[in-house]
Amino acid sequence: MAIIRKNDLKKMNKTEMQNKLKELKLELAKAGVSANKASAKTKELKITVARLLTILNKPKSGELKTK
C-alpha cells in the first residue's frame, strides 16, 4: 500500500494527496520508526512521503514562489 507511483499522484487532487500524506505519516508512526530501525517497509513509506511532499510543494507553472 505504501508505494504510490508518480502517475497515480498526478491523477489525485490536492485534498486527496493531503489525506494520503496524513495516512502515510500515521502508518510510519505506528511502525515505530527511529533513527536506528530501518526496514523495507519504513524505507518505502519515507520515499512515498517525500514524493508526496515534493509534488504538493512544487509551484504550478506560471506561479512564482516568493521568499
Protein backbone atom coordinates (compact mmCIF):
# COMPACT_ATOMS: atom_id res chain seq x y z
CA MET A 1 0.00 0.00 0.00
CA ALA A 2 2.84 2.37 0.69
CA ILE A 3 4.13 2.63 -2.85
CA ILE A 4 2.40 5.33 -4.87
CA ARG A 5 3.74 5.99 -8.32
CA LYS A 6 4.15 9.44 -9.84
CA ASN A 7 1.44 8.76 -12.42
CA ASP A 8 -1.02 7.85 -9.67
CA LEU A 9 -0.20 11.08 -7.83
CA LYS A 10 -0.85 13.18 -10.92
CA LYS A 11 -4.38 11.76 -11.05
CA MET A 12 -5.11 12.82 -7.45
CA ASN A 13 -6.32 16.26 -6.47
CA LYS A 14 -4.70 18.28 -3.70
CA THR A 15 -7.07 17.20 -0.92
CA GLU A 16 -6.65 13.52 -1.79
CA MET A 17 -2.87 13.96 -1.66
CA GLN A 18 -3.04 15.68 1.72
CA ASN A 19 -5.26 12.92 3.11
CA LYS A 20 -2.90 10.24 1.77
CA LEU A 21 0.04 12.12 3.32
CA LYS A 22 -1.65 12.11 6.74
CA GLU A 23 -2.43 8.41 6.38
CA LEU A 24 1.15 7.54 5.44
CA LYS A 25 2.62 9.60 8.27
CA LEU A 26 0.33 7.83 10.73
CA GLU A 27 1.38 4.46 9.35
CA LEU A 28 5.03 5.49 9.66
CA ALA A 29 4.50 6.50 13.29
CA LYS A 30 2.75 3.21 14.03
CA ALA A 31 5.69 1.32 12.58
CA GLY A 32 7.78 2.74 15.41
CA VAL A 33 10.38 4.33 13.23
CA SER A 34 13.50 5.58 14.91
CA ALA A 35 16.92 6.53 13.60
CA ASN A 36 18.25 3.05 14.37
CA LYS A 37 15.46 0.99 12.84
CA ALA A 38 15.10 0.81 9.11
CA SER A 39 13.23 -1.89 7.25
CA ALA A 40 12.00 -2.16 3.70
CA LYS A 41 8.52 -1.01 4.72
CA THR A 42 9.74 2.10 6.53
CA LYS A 43 12.00 2.96 3.61
CA GLU A 44 9.07 2.73 1.19
CA LEU A 45 6.93 4.87 3.48
CA LYS A 46 9.59 7.55 3.76
CA ILE A 47 10.13 7.64 -0.01
CA THR A 48 6.40 7.91 -0.65
CA VAL A 49 6.01 10.71 1.90
CA ALA A 50 8.89 12.57 0.28
CA ARG A 51 7.35 12.08 -3.16
CA LEU A 52 4.01 13.46 -1.95
CA LEU A 53 5.62 16.47 -0.27
CA THR A 54 7.61 17.24 -3.40
CA ILE A 55 4.51 17.30 -5.57
CA LEU A 56 2.48 19.29 -3.02
CA ASN A 57 5.21 21.93 -2.62
CA LYS A 58 6.00 22.23 -6.32
CA PRO A 59 4.75 25.55 -7.69
CA LYS A 60 2.29 25.46 -10.56
CA SER A 61 3.52 26.70 -13.93
CA GLY A 62 3.16 30.46 -14.14
CA GLU A 63 3.15 30.76 -10.36
CA LEU A 64 6.25 32.25 -8.76
CA LYS A 65 7.31 31.32 -5.28
CA THR A 66 8.46 34.29 -3.22
CA LYS A 67 10.78 34.06 -0.27
